[in-house]
Amino acid sequence: MSEQSAQRLDHFTVAPDLFKPMLDQEELFEASELEHSLMELVKLRASQINGCAFCLNMHWQDARANGESEERLYLLNAWREASVYTDRERAALAWTEALTRIETTQAPHEDYQAIQAQFSPREQVVLSLLINAINSWNRIAIGFRMPHGLPQDDMAA
C-alpha cells in the first residue's frame, strides 16, 4: 500500500463520541419516508462526484444487497442520459449534484422545483440532510484515507 493510500487515522477509535450523532442520524434516515433504493443512489452519486472509494464500495454493496440492478448502478454516472431512473430519482440526483457542487451550482431554482414536485416538504428536508451527511462522510473517509475494503489482489485484476 502506498503512502498516498495508507489510512492516516482511525477516526472512529479516536473520537467515537463525536461520530455518535452522525450514526444516530443515519438511523433516522433509514426510518424516514425516503425509499432505501433512492437513498443509496443519492449516496453513490455524491460519492462518485467526491471520489470516495470507501463510500462507493460500501454503498454499491448495500444497493446490490437490497435488490438494485447492476445496470442502474453502472449507468448512475450518466443518469441524465439513462432512461432507467424515475422522475423522483432524477429529481433527487439533480439535487444531490446541486448540493454536492454547491460552490458552482448555488442550488439552482430548477433543481429545487424538481424536488418540490416529487417530494413533500419533510422529504425535501430529509433528502437535503442525507446529501449533507454523505458529503460529510465522504470528506472524512477521503481525508483520513479510509481503506475501501477490497483486497489488493482484486485491484490487480
Protein backbone atom coordinates (compact mmCIF):
# COMPACT_ATOMS: atom_id res chain seq x y z
CA MET A 1 0.00 0.00 0.00
CA SER A 2 1.46 3.35 -0.95
CA GLU A 3 1.83 6.22 1.49
CA GLN A 4 -0.81 8.05 -0.55
CA SER A 5 -3.41 5.36 0.11
CA ALA A 6 -2.46 4.30 3.65
CA GLN A 7 -5.04 5.11 6.31
CA ARG A 8 -3.99 8.20 8.21
CA LEU A 9 -6.12 7.83 11.30
CA ASP A 10 -8.90 5.60 12.63
CA HIS A 11 -11.32 8.38 13.42
CA PHE A 12 -13.94 6.07 14.97
CA THR A 13 -11.40 4.85 17.54
CA VAL A 14 -10.03 8.32 18.27
CA ALA A 15 -13.37 10.09 18.73
CA PRO A 16 -16.33 7.68 18.86
CA ASP A 17 -18.40 10.20 20.84
CA LEU A 18 -18.17 12.72 18.02
CA PHE A 19 -19.48 10.21 15.49
CA LYS A 20 -22.45 9.09 17.58
CA PRO A 21 -24.71 11.94 16.36
CA MET A 22 -23.84 11.14 12.74
CA LEU A 23 -24.56 7.44 13.27
CA ASP A 24 -27.83 8.30 15.05
CA GLN A 25 -28.79 10.47 12.08
CA GLU A 26 -28.16 7.52 9.74
CA GLU A 27 -30.72 5.52 11.74
CA LEU A 28 -33.22 8.35 11.34
CA PHE A 29 -32.63 8.34 7.58
CA GLU A 30 -33.29 4.59 7.47
CA ALA A 31 -36.58 5.11 9.32
CA SER A 32 -37.60 8.08 7.15
CA GLU A 33 -40.13 8.34 4.35
CA LEU A 34 -37.47 8.04 1.66
CA GLU A 35 -37.09 4.79 -0.22
CA HIS A 36 -33.95 2.85 0.63
CA SER A 37 -33.08 2.45 -3.06
CA LEU A 38 -33.30 6.22 -3.62
CA MET A 39 -31.09 6.90 -0.61
CA GLU A 40 -28.43 4.51 -1.92
CA LEU A 41 -28.49 6.19 -5.35
CA VAL A 42 -28.02 9.57 -3.69
CA LYS A 43 -25.15 8.29 -1.54
CA LEU A 44 -23.49 6.69 -4.55
CA ARG A 45 -23.86 9.75 -6.77
CA ALA A 46 -22.37 12.11 -4.18
CA SER A 47 -19.57 9.62 -3.56
CA GLN A 48 -18.86 9.44 -7.32
CA ILE A 49 -18.61 13.22 -7.51
CA ASN A 50 -16.35 13.36 -4.45
CA GLY A 51 -14.25 10.37 -5.49
CA CYS A 52 -14.70 8.46 -2.24
CA ALA A 53 -13.61 4.85 -2.82
CA PHE A 54 -14.64 3.68 0.66
CA CYS A 55 -18.19 5.04 0.32
CA LEU A 56 -18.55 3.90 -3.29
CA ASN A 57 -17.62 0.35 -2.34
CA MET A 58 -19.89 0.32 0.73
CA HIS A 59 -22.97 1.83 -0.92
CA TRP A 60 -22.61 -0.19 -4.13
CA GLN A 61 -22.66 -3.33 -1.98
CA ASP A 62 -25.61 -2.04 0.08
CA ALA A 63 -27.57 -1.19 -3.05
CA ARG A 64 -26.94 -4.62 -4.60
CA ALA A 65 -27.83 -6.39 -1.34
CA ASN A 66 -31.14 -4.55 -1.36
CA GLY A 67 -32.02 -5.57 -4.91
CA GLU A 68 -30.68 -2.71 -7.02
CA SER A 69 -29.74 -3.82 -10.54
CA GLU A 70 -26.16 -3.70 -11.71
CA GLU A 71 -27.28 -1.90 -14.88
CA ARG A 72 -28.74 1.04 -12.93
CA LEU A 73 -25.60 1.25 -10.84
CA TYR A 74 -23.38 1.17 -13.94
CA LEU A 75 -25.40 3.99 -15.52
CA LEU A 76 -25.57 6.20 -12.44
CA ASN A 77 -22.72 8.44 -13.53
CA ALA A 78 -24.71 9.16 -16.72
CA TRP A 79 -28.17 9.23 -15.12
CA ARG A 80 -29.34 12.22 -17.19
CA GLU A 81 -28.96 10.16 -20.37
CA ALA A 82 -30.25 6.86 -18.99
CA SER A 83 -33.97 6.13 -19.08
CA VAL A 84 -33.87 3.69 -16.15
CA TYR A 85 -34.49 6.23 -13.38
CA THR A 86 -37.87 7.53 -12.21
CA ASP A 87 -38.77 11.22 -12.16
CA ARG A 88 -38.45 11.11 -8.37
CA GLU A 89 -34.96 9.59 -8.60
CA ARG A 90 -33.95 12.11 -11.25
CA ALA A 91 -35.06 15.00 -9.06
CA ALA A 92 -33.10 13.56 -6.12
CA LEU A 93 -29.99 13.02 -8.25
CA ALA A 94 -30.13 16.56 -9.64
CA TRP A 95 -30.50 17.93 -6.09
CA THR A 96 -27.61 15.72 -4.97
CA GLU A 97 -25.38 17.19 -7.67
CA ALA A 98 -26.55 20.72 -6.92
CA LEU A 99 -25.79 20.49 -3.20
CA THR A 100 -22.60 18.47 -3.60
CA ARG A 101 -21.24 21.00 -6.11
CA ILE A 102 -22.77 23.99 -4.34
CA GLU A 103 -19.73 26.20 -4.92
CA THR A 104 -20.52 26.22 -8.64
CA THR A 105 -24.26 25.47 -8.76
CA GLN A 106 -25.64 27.63 -5.96
CA ALA A 107 -28.57 25.15 -5.81
CA PRO A 108 -30.46 26.22 -8.95
CA HIS A 109 -34.14 27.06 -8.76
CA GLU A 110 -34.94 24.47 -11.47
CA ASP A 111 -33.45 21.71 -9.33
CA TYR A 112 -35.40 22.87 -6.30
CA GLN A 113 -38.62 22.98 -8.34
CA ALA A 114 -37.97 19.39 -9.37
CA ILE A 115 -37.71 18.19 -5.77
CA GLN A 116 -40.77 20.26 -4.82
CA ALA A 117 -42.74 18.39 -7.49
CA GLN A 118 -41.60 14.96 -6.28
CA PHE A 119 -41.07 15.28 -2.52
CA SER A 120 -43.16 16.53 0.39
CA PRO A 121 -41.66 19.39 2.41
CA ARG A 122 -40.46 16.94 5.08
CA GLU A 123 -38.96 14.65 2.42
CA GLN A 124 -37.12 17.66 0.96
CA VAL A 125 -35.51 18.25 4.35
CA VAL A 126 -34.64 14.56 4.80
CA LEU A 127 -33.15 14.42 1.29
CA SER A 128 -31.11 17.59 1.85
CA LEU A 129 -29.80 16.31 5.19
CA LEU A 130 -28.97 12.95 3.60
CA ILE A 131 -26.96 14.72 0.90
CA ASN A 132 -25.20 16.79 3.55
CA ALA A 133 -24.44 13.66 5.58
CA ILE A 134 -22.94 11.66 2.70
CA ASN A 135 -20.81 14.64 1.73
CA SER A 136 -19.56 14.78 5.33
CA TRP A 137 -18.86 11.03 5.37
CA ASN A 138 -17.02 11.35 2.03
CA ARG A 139 -14.82 14.13 3.34
CA ILE A 140 -13.96 12.20 6.50
CA ALA A 141 -13.24 8.98 4.60
CA ILE A 142 -11.12 10.73 1.98
CA GLY A 143 -9.32 12.95 4.49
CA PHE A 144 -8.31 10.08 6.74
CA ARG A 145 -7.84 7.67 3.78
CA MET A 146 -10.28 5.01 4.96
CA PRO A 147 -9.42 1.78 3.16
CA HIS A 148 -12.07 0.82 0.62
CA GLY A 149 -12.24 -2.77 1.80
CA LEU A 150 -11.30 -4.57 -1.40
CA PRO A 151 -8.36 -6.96 -1.15
CA GLN A 152 -5.28 -5.78 -3.04
CA ASP A 153 -5.47 -8.92 -5.22
CA ASP A 154 -8.87 -7.79 -6.53
CA MET A 155 -7.39 -4.48 -7.58
CA ALA A 156 -4.59 -6.11 -9.56
CA ALA A 157 -7.08 -7.83 -11.82
